[in-house]
Amino acid sequence: DFWRPWVAVVEDGDVASLCFAARLSVRGAAAGVYTFPAWRGRGLAAVATAAWSRHPELSRRELGYSTLMSNTASQRVAAKLGLPR
């Protein structure tokens, strides 16, 4: 399931990457992101996550992004976005 608000990166009519609210409360939201295998390695997760962070429904919330130490792809997304470690 992908919870609102969400942002999709669409290429050639197909959803390539999706960022969604993995957790959502009145005060905050945490990003969840998925890129379909055919589009991985192209930076689309960072594009989707950056767009999600600017979504109007999130404007008054504190936003978070976390990842496992073993998830190097997700760590690259955080680095591209300039997020603190």
N, C-alpha and C. Protein backbone atom coordinates (compact mmCIF):
# COMPACT_ATOMS: atom_id res chain seq x y z
N ASP A 1 0.83 -1.19 0.00
CA ASP A 1 0.00 0.00 0.00
C ASP A 1 0.88 1.25 0.00
N PHE A 2 0.40 2.28 -0.69
CA PHE A 2 1.09 3.56 -0.71
C PHE A 2 0.14 4.60 -0.14
N TRP A 3 0.56 5.26 0.94
CA TRP A 3 -0.30 6.19 1.65
C TRP A 3 -0.11 7.61 1.16
N ARG A 4 -1.21 8.35 1.11
CA ARG A 4 -1.19 9.76 0.72
C ARG A 4 -0.47 10.58 1.77
N PRO A 5 0.10 11.67 1.36
CA PRO A 5 0.26 12.07 -0.02
C PRO A 5 1.40 11.31 -0.68
N TRP A 6 1.30 11.16 -1.98
CA TRP A 6 2.35 10.48 -2.73
C TRP A 6 2.63 11.24 -4.01
N VAL A 7 3.82 10.99 -4.54
CA VAL A 7 4.27 11.60 -5.79
C VAL A 7 4.86 10.49 -6.65
N ALA A 8 4.47 10.47 -7.92
CA ALA A 8 4.98 9.47 -8.84
C ALA A 8 5.82 10.14 -9.92
N VAL A 9 6.92 9.51 -10.27
CA VAL A 9 7.70 9.89 -11.44
C VAL A 9 7.26 8.95 -12.55
N VAL A 10 6.73 9.53 -13.63
CA VAL A 10 6.19 8.75 -14.74
C VAL A 10 7.08 8.94 -15.96
N GLU A 11 7.47 7.82 -16.57
CA GLU A 11 8.26 7.86 -17.79
C GLU A 11 7.60 6.97 -18.83
N ASP A 12 7.39 7.51 -20.00
CA ASP A 12 6.76 6.78 -21.10
C ASP A 12 5.42 6.16 -20.68
N GLY A 13 4.68 6.87 -19.84
CA GLY A 13 3.37 6.40 -19.41
C GLY A 13 3.38 5.39 -18.28
N ASP A 14 4.55 5.03 -17.79
CA ASP A 14 4.65 4.05 -16.69
C ASP A 14 5.18 4.73 -15.44
N VAL A 15 4.68 4.29 -14.28
CA VAL A 15 5.22 4.78 -13.02
C VAL A 15 6.61 4.17 -12.85
N ALA A 16 7.61 5.03 -12.74
CA ALA A 16 8.99 4.57 -12.58
C ALA A 16 9.41 4.57 -11.11
N SER A 17 9.00 5.59 -10.37
CA SER A 17 9.36 5.71 -8.97
C SER A 17 8.22 6.38 -8.22
N LEU A 18 8.08 6.03 -6.95
CA LEU A 18 6.99 6.54 -6.14
C LEU A 18 7.49 6.86 -4.75
N CYS A 19 7.18 8.05 -4.26
CA CYS A 19 7.47 8.41 -2.88
C CYS A 19 6.13 8.63 -2.18
N PHE A 20 6.00 8.10 -0.99
CA PHE A 20 4.72 8.11 -0.28
C PHE A 20 4.96 8.32 1.21
N ALA A 21 3.88 8.55 1.94
CA ALA A 21 3.97 8.71 3.39
C ALA A 21 4.02 7.33 4.04
N ALA A 22 5.20 6.93 4.47
CA ALA A 22 5.34 5.65 5.17
C ALA A 22 4.76 5.75 6.57
N ARG A 23 4.85 6.94 7.14
CA ARG A 23 4.23 7.27 8.43
C ARG A 23 3.70 8.69 8.31
N LEU A 24 2.56 8.94 8.94
CA LEU A 24 1.96 10.26 8.84
C LEU A 24 1.20 10.56 10.12
N SER A 25 1.48 11.73 10.69
CA SER A 25 0.73 12.22 11.85
C SER A 25 0.45 13.70 11.62
N VAL A 26 -0.22 14.30 12.56
CA VAL A 26 -0.52 15.73 12.47
C VAL A 26 0.77 16.54 12.46
N ARG A 27 1.78 16.07 13.18
CA ARG A 27 3.03 16.83 13.33
C ARG A 27 4.12 16.44 12.35
N GLY A 28 4.11 15.22 11.84
CA GLY A 28 5.22 14.80 11.00
C GLY A 28 4.86 13.74 9.99
N ALA A 29 5.82 13.49 9.11
CA ALA A 29 5.65 12.45 8.09
C ALA A 29 7.02 11.88 7.76
N ALA A 30 7.03 10.59 7.46
CA ALA A 30 8.26 9.92 7.05
C ALA A 30 8.07 9.41 5.63
N ALA A 31 9.08 9.61 4.81
CA ALA A 31 9.02 9.20 3.41
C ALA A 31 9.32 7.73 3.25
N GLY A 32 8.59 7.12 2.34
CA GLY A 32 8.89 5.79 1.84
C GLY A 32 9.06 5.94 0.34
N VAL A 33 9.98 5.23 -0.25
CA VAL A 33 10.21 5.40 -1.69
C VAL A 33 10.45 4.04 -2.33
N TYR A 34 9.94 3.90 -3.55
CA TYR A 34 10.14 2.67 -4.30
C TYR A 34 10.37 3.03 -5.76
N THR A 35 11.39 2.45 -6.34
CA THR A 35 11.65 2.59 -7.77
C THR A 35 11.56 1.20 -8.39
N PHE A 36 10.79 1.11 -9.44
CA PHE A 36 10.62 -0.17 -10.11
C PHE A 36 11.95 -0.58 -10.77
N PRO A 37 12.24 -1.88 -10.78
CA PRO A 37 13.55 -2.36 -11.22
C PRO A 37 14.05 -1.81 -12.56
N ALA A 38 13.20 -1.68 -13.53
CA ALA A 38 13.65 -1.22 -14.86
C ALA A 38 14.19 0.21 -14.84
N TRP A 39 13.84 0.98 -13.82
CA TRP A 39 14.25 2.38 -13.76
C TRP A 39 15.26 2.67 -12.64
N ARG A 40 15.76 1.67 -11.99
CA ARG A 40 16.71 1.89 -10.89
C ARG A 40 18.05 2.39 -11.41
N GLY A 41 18.75 3.11 -10.54
CA GLY A 41 20.08 3.61 -10.87
C GLY A 41 20.08 4.88 -11.70
N ARG A 42 18.94 5.54 -11.82
CA ARG A 42 18.85 6.75 -12.64
C ARG A 42 18.54 7.99 -11.82
N GLY A 43 18.50 7.87 -10.49
CA GLY A 43 18.26 9.03 -9.63
C GLY A 43 16.80 9.40 -9.47
N LEU A 44 15.89 8.55 -9.92
CA LEU A 44 14.48 8.89 -9.87
C LEU A 44 13.90 8.86 -8.45
N ALA A 45 14.46 8.04 -7.58
CA ALA A 45 13.98 8.03 -6.19
C ALA A 45 14.23 9.38 -5.53
N ALA A 46 15.37 9.98 -5.81
CA ALA A 46 15.66 11.31 -5.25
C ALA A 46 14.71 12.36 -5.83
N VAL A 47 14.40 12.25 -7.11
CA VAL A 47 13.46 13.18 -7.75
C VAL A 47 12.08 13.06 -7.09
N ALA A 48 11.61 11.82 -6.91
CA ALA A 48 10.30 11.60 -6.30
C ALA A 48 10.28 12.09 -4.86
N THR A 49 11.33 11.82 -4.11
CA THR A 49 11.38 12.21 -2.70
C THR A 49 11.43 13.72 -2.56
N ALA A 50 12.21 14.39 -3.39
CA ALA A 50 12.28 15.86 -3.34
C ALA A 50 10.91 16.46 -3.65
N ALA A 51 10.22 15.93 -4.65
CA ALA A 51 8.89 16.45 -5.00
C ALA A 51 7.91 16.18 -3.86
N TRP A 52 7.98 15.00 -3.26
CA TRP A 52 7.10 14.65 -2.14
C TRP A 52 7.30 15.63 -0.99
N SER A 53 8.54 15.99 -0.72
CA SER A 53 8.81 16.89 0.41
C SER A 53 8.20 18.27 0.22
N ARG A 54 7.86 18.63 -1.02
CA ARG A 54 7.23 19.92 -1.31
C ARG A 54 5.72 19.82 -1.49
N HIS A 55 5.16 18.65 -1.24
CA HIS A 55 3.73 18.45 -1.42
C HIS A 55 2.96 19.36 -0.45
N PRO A 56 1.93 20.05 -0.92
CA PRO A 56 1.17 20.97 -0.06
C PRO A 56 0.61 20.34 1.20
N GLU A 57 0.22 19.08 1.16
CA GLU A 57 -0.33 18.42 2.35
C GLU A 57 0.72 18.23 3.46
N LEU A 58 1.99 18.40 3.11
CA LEU A 58 3.07 18.20 4.08
C LEU A 58 3.67 19.51 4.58
N SER A 59 3.17 20.62 4.11
CA SER A 59 3.82 21.92 4.36
C SER A 59 3.94 22.28 5.83
N ARG A 60 3.09 21.79 6.67
CA ARG A 60 3.14 22.14 8.10
C ARG A 60 3.65 20.99 8.97
N ARG A 61 4.23 19.99 8.32
CA ARG A 61 4.73 18.83 9.06
C ARG A 61 6.25 18.78 9.02
N GLU A 62 6.82 18.19 10.06
CA GLU A 62 8.25 17.90 10.06
C GLU A 62 8.44 16.59 9.29
N LEU A 63 9.39 16.59 8.37
CA LEU A 63 9.57 15.44 7.49
C LEU A 63 10.81 14.64 7.86
N GLY A 64 10.73 13.35 7.66
CA GLY A 64 11.85 12.49 7.96
C GLY A 64 12.12 11.49 6.85
N TYR A 65 13.36 11.04 6.79
CA TYR A 65 13.79 10.01 5.85
C TYR A 65 14.79 9.15 6.58
N SER A 66 14.55 7.86 6.62
CA SER A 66 15.50 6.97 7.30
C SER A 66 15.73 5.74 6.43
N THR A 67 16.82 5.07 6.72
CA THR A 67 17.18 3.88 5.96
C THR A 67 18.04 2.95 6.81
N LEU A 68 18.11 1.73 6.40
CA LEU A 68 19.01 0.79 7.06
C LEU A 68 20.43 1.03 6.59
N MET A 69 21.39 0.71 7.42
CA MET A 69 22.80 0.85 7.03
C MET A 69 23.13 -0.05 5.84
N SER A 70 22.42 -1.12 5.68
CA SER A 70 22.68 -2.05 4.58
C SER A 70 22.05 -1.60 3.25
N ASN A 71 21.19 -0.59 3.29
CA ASN A 71 20.49 -0.14 2.08
C ASN A 71 21.29 0.99 1.42
N THR A 72 22.28 0.63 0.66
CA THR A 72 23.16 1.64 0.06
C THR A 72 22.44 2.48 -0.99
N ALA A 73 21.47 1.92 -1.70
CA ALA A 73 20.72 2.71 -2.68
C ALA A 73 19.95 3.82 -1.98
N SER A 74 19.32 3.51 -0.86
CA SER A 74 18.58 4.52 -0.11
C SER A 74 19.53 5.56 0.49
N GLN A 75 20.70 5.13 0.90
CA GLN A 75 21.69 6.07 1.42
C GLN A 75 22.14 7.04 0.33
N ARG A 76 22.24 6.57 -0.92
CA ARG A 76 22.58 7.45 -2.04
C ARG A 76 21.48 8.49 -2.28
N VAL A 77 20.23 8.08 -2.12
CA VAL A 77 19.11 9.03 -2.25
C VAL A 77 19.25 10.12 -1.19
N ALA A 78 19.49 9.73 0.04
CA ALA A 78 19.65 10.72 1.12
C ALA A 78 20.82 11.65 0.84
N ALA A 79 21.92 11.11 0.33
CA ALA A 79 23.09 11.94 0.01
C ALA A 79 22.77 12.93 -1.11
N LYS A 80 22.06 12.46 -2.15
CA LYS A 80 21.69 13.35 -3.26
C LYS A 80 20.81 14.50 -2.79
N LEU A 81 20.00 14.23 -1.77
CA LEU A 81 19.11 15.26 -1.24
C LEU A 81 19.79 16.14 -0.20
N GLY A 82 21.03 15.81 0.15
CA GLY A 82 21.75 16.60 1.15
C GLY A 82 21.25 16.39 2.57
N LEU A 83 20.66 15.24 2.83
CA LEU A 83 20.13 14.97 4.17
C LEU A 83 21.26 14.58 5.13
N PRO A 84 21.16 15.00 6.37
CA PRO A 84 22.21 14.63 7.35
C PRO A 84 22.17 13.14 7.64
N ARG A 85 23.32 12.61 7.92
CA ARG A 85 23.44 11.18 8.24
C ARG A 85 23.01 10.93 9.64
